[in-house]
C-alpha atoms as a PDB file:
ATOM      1  CA  MET A   1      91.306 131.877 102.978  1.00  0.00           C
ATOM      2  CA  SER A   2      92.880 128.640 101.780  1.00  0.00           C
ATOM      3  CA  GLN A   3      96.301 128.679 100.159  1.00  0.00           C
ATOM      4  CA  LEU A   4      97.713 126.683  97.277  1.00  0.00           C
ATOM      5  CA  ASP A   5      99.730 123.745  98.564  1.00  0.00           C
ATOM      6  CA  PRO A   6     103.093 123.473  96.771  1.00  0.00           C
ATOM      7  CA  ALA A   7     103.220 119.719  97.516  1.00  0.00           C
ATOM      8  CA  ILE A   8      99.926 119.150  95.656  1.00  0.00           C
ATOM      9  CA  HIS A   9     100.214 121.841  93.000  1.00  0.00           C
ATOM     10  CA  PRO A  10     102.215 119.888  90.345  1.00  0.00           C
ATOM     11  CA  ILE A  11      99.551 118.559  87.978  1.00  0.00           C
ATOM     12  CA  THR A  12     100.370 114.861  88.413  1.00  0.00           C
ATOM     13  CA  ARG A  13     100.149 115.159  92.203  1.00  0.00           C
ATOM     14  CA  LEU A  14      96.895 117.093  91.918  1.00  0.00           C
ATOM     15  CA  LYS A  15      95.507 114.335  89.672  1.00  0.00           C
ATOM     16  CA  ILE A  16      96.614 111.684  92.178  1.00  0.00           C
ATOM     17  CA  CYS A  17      94.861 113.433  95.063  1.00  0.00           C
ATOM     18  CA  ALA A  18      91.762 114.092  92.958  1.00  0.00           C
ATOM     19  CA  ALA A  19      91.528 110.461  91.820  1.00  0.00           C
ATOM     20  CA  LEU A  20      91.965 109.082  95.333  1.00  0.00           C
ATOM     21  CA  ALA A  21      89.452 111.535  96.800  1.00  0.00           C
ATOM     22  CA  ALA A  22      86.889 110.871  94.047  1.00  0.00           C
ATOM     23  CA  ALA A  23      87.205 107.104  94.553  1.00  0.00           C
ATOM     24  CA  GLY A  24      86.876 107.447  98.309  1.00  0.00           C
ATOM     25  CA  ALA A  25      90.333 105.897  98.766  1.00  0.00           C
ATOM     26  CA  THR A  26      90.913 107.838 101.977  1.00  0.00           C
ATOM     27  CA  GLU A  27      91.601 107.117 105.636  1.00  0.00           C
ATOM     28  CA  GLU A  28      88.387 109.002 106.340  1.00  0.00           C
ATOM     29  CA  ASN A  29      86.544 106.248 104.445  1.00  0.00           C
ATOM     30  CA  ILE A  30      87.663 103.375 106.713  1.00  0.00           C
ATOM     31  CA  ARG A  31      90.987 103.046 104.890  1.00  0.00           C
ATOM     32  CA  LYS A  32      89.597 102.232 101.503  1.00  0.00           C
ATOM     33  CA  GLU A  33      92.516 101.929  99.084  1.00  0.00           C
ATOM     34  CA  MET A  34      93.091 102.117  95.343  1.00  0.00           C
ATOM     35  CA  ARG A  35      95.347  99.758  93.426  1.00  0.00           C
ATOM     36  CA  PHE A  36      98.530 101.376  92.124  1.00  0.00           C
ATOM     37  CA  ALA A  37      97.789 100.120  88.581  1.00  0.00           C
ATOM     38  CA  GLN A  38      94.277 101.616  88.613  1.00  0.00           C
ATOM     39  CA  LEU A  39      95.630 104.949  89.884  1.00  0.00           C
ATOM     40  CA  ARG A  40      98.364 104.896  87.206  1.00  0.00           C
ATOM     41  CA  ASP A  41      95.727 104.400  84.511  1.00  0.00           C
ATOM     42  CA  ILE A  42      93.458 107.156  85.844  1.00  0.00           C
ATOM     43  CA  VAL A  43      96.341 109.625  86.169  1.00  0.00           C
ATOM     44  CA  ASP A  44      97.630 108.471  82.762  1.00  0.00           C
ATOM     45  CA  THR A  45     101.286 108.199  83.651  1.00  0.00           C
ATOM     46  CA  THR A  46     104.045 105.610  83.884  1.00  0.00           C
ATOM     47  CA  ASP A  47     104.793 103.393  86.886  1.00  0.00           C
ATOM     48  CA  ALA A  48     108.058 105.250  87.492  1.00  0.00           C
ATOM     49  CA  THR A  49     106.460 108.705  87.375  1.00  0.00           C
ATOM     50  CA  LEU A  50     103.580 107.669  89.613  1.00  0.00           C
ATOM     51  CA  SER A  51     105.970 106.119  92.111  1.00  0.00           C
ATOM     52  CA  LYS A  52     108.124 109.266  92.200  1.00  0.00           C
ATOM     53  CA  GLN A  53     105.088 111.530  92.696  1.00  0.00           C
ATOM     54  CA  LEU A  54     103.667 109.251  95.396  1.00  0.00           C
ATOM     55  CA  SER A  55     107.013 109.430  97.199  1.00  0.00           C
ATOM     56  CA  ALA A  56     106.805 113.229  97.194  1.00  0.00           C
ATOM     57  CA  LEU A  57     103.266 113.090  98.596  1.00  0.00           C
ATOM     58  CA  GLU A  58     104.338 110.506 101.199  1.00  0.00           C
ATOM     59  CA  GLU A  59     107.081 112.865 102.411  1.00  0.00           C
ATOM     60  CA  HIS A  60     104.340 115.344 103.329  1.00  0.00           C
ATOM     61  CA  GLY A  61     102.189 112.650 104.948  1.00  0.00           C
ATOM     62  CA  TYR A  62      99.512 113.003 102.261  1.00  0.00           C
ATOM     63  CA  VAL A  63      99.420 109.407 100.998  1.00  0.00           C
ATOM     64  CA  THR A  64     100.356 105.965 102.227  1.00  0.00           C
ATOM     65  CA  ARG A  65     101.266 102.853 100.259  1.00  0.00           C
ATOM     66  CA  PHE A  66     100.909  99.246 101.310  1.00  0.00           C
ATOM     67  CA  ARG A  67     102.384  96.316  99.390  1.00  0.00           C
ATOM     68  CA  GLU A  68     100.439  93.076  99.428  1.00  0.00           C
ATOM     69  CA  TYR A  69     102.909  90.348  98.521  1.00  0.00           C
ATOM     70  CA  GLY A  70     101.969  87.787  95.874  1.00  0.00           C
ATOM     71  CA  SER A  71     103.745  84.582  94.892  1.00  0.00           C
ATOM     72  CA  SER A  72     106.219  86.713  92.887  1.00  0.00           C
ATOM     73  CA  ARG A  73     107.070  90.414  92.709  1.00  0.00           C
ATOM     74  CA  ALA A  74     105.076  90.661  89.479  1.00  0.00           C
ATOM     75  CA  LYS A  75     102.013  89.465  91.407  1.00  0.00           C
ATOM     76  CA  ASP A  76     102.414  91.968  94.267  1.00  0.00           C
ATOM     77  CA  THR A  77      99.653  94.537  94.664  1.00  0.00           C
ATOM     78  CA  VAL A  78     100.417  98.047  95.876  1.00  0.00           C
ATOM     79  CA  TRP A  79      97.527  99.874  97.529  1.00  0.00           C
ATOM     80  CA  VAL A  80      97.440 103.683  97.828  1.00  0.00           C
ATOM     81  CA  THR A  81      95.403 105.738 100.294  1.00  0.00           C
ATOM     82  CA  LEU A  82      94.956 109.487 100.717  1.00  0.00           C
ATOM     83  CA  THR A  83      95.578 110.254 104.404  1.00  0.00           C
ATOM     84  CA  ASN A  84      93.354 112.542 106.458  1.00  0.00           C
ATOM     85  CA  ALA A  85      96.072 115.207 106.224  1.00  0.00           C
ATOM     86  CA  GLY A  86      96.243 114.679 102.448  1.00  0.00           C
ATOM     87  CA  LEU A  87      92.478 114.953 102.065  1.00  0.00           C
ATOM     88  CA  ALA A  88      92.425 118.178 104.104  1.00  0.00           C
ATOM     89  CA  ALA A  89      95.329 119.593 102.065  1.00  0.00           C
ATOM     90  CA  TYR A  90      93.647 118.603  98.788  1.00  0.00           C
ATOM     91  CA  ARG A  91      90.357 120.224  99.841  1.00  0.00           C
ATOM     92  CA  GLY A  92      92.198 123.388 100.905  1.00  0.00           C
ATOM     93  CA  HIS A  93      94.097 123.461  97.614  1.00  0.00           C
ATOM     94  CA  MET A  94      90.862 123.098  95.644  1.00  0.00           C
ATOM     95  CA  ASP A  95      89.249 125.880  97.707  1.00  0.00           C
ATOM     96  CA  ALA A  96      92.225 128.124  96.885  1.00  0.00           C
ATOM     97  CA  LEU A  97      91.887 127.319  93.167  1.00  0.00           C
ATOM     98  CA  ARG A  98      88.151 128.099  93.302  1.00  0.00           C
ATOM     99  CA  SER A  99      88.916 131.385  95.051  1.00  0.00           C
ATOM    100  CA  ILE A 100      91.469 132.329  92.410  1.00  0.00           C
ATOM    101  CA  ALA A 101      88.922 131.429  89.709  1.00  0.00           C
ATOM    102  CA  GLY A 102      86.288 133.574  91.437  1.00  0.00           C
ATOM    103  CA  GLU A 103      84.015 130.655  92.259  1.00  0.00           C
ATOM    104  CA  ASP A 104      82.103 130.135  95.497  1.00  0.00           C
ATOM    105  CA  HIS A 105      83.840 128.101  98.194  1.00  0.00           C
ATOM    106  CA  VAL A 106      82.407 124.624  97.993  1.00  0.00           C
ATOM    107  CA  SER A 107      84.554 122.089  99.786  1.00  0.00           C
ATOM    108  CA  GLY A 108      83.972 118.526  98.629  1.00  0.00           C
END
């Protein structure tokens, strides 16, 4: 039986993992990434909050960030990817939630 993952459980982190997984922004998907700004908009949070939550997920090895430098800092692009470990943890977390809710185990 899967267990809830305390690193993913806070709602903003769960939304981050869900958005990255849904977009296919995973290492599993030949390192497809999502722009930080797009992720911020999907998660509906501020830059500072998203950055803080990504740092927490990075500490667990669940996401990676890559900065593509532009002609100025304002033109930099930050790319975010859900790692294989992060995708596995997210799927396990979702399985645990489904189990708690009494739903069938369907890992996506």
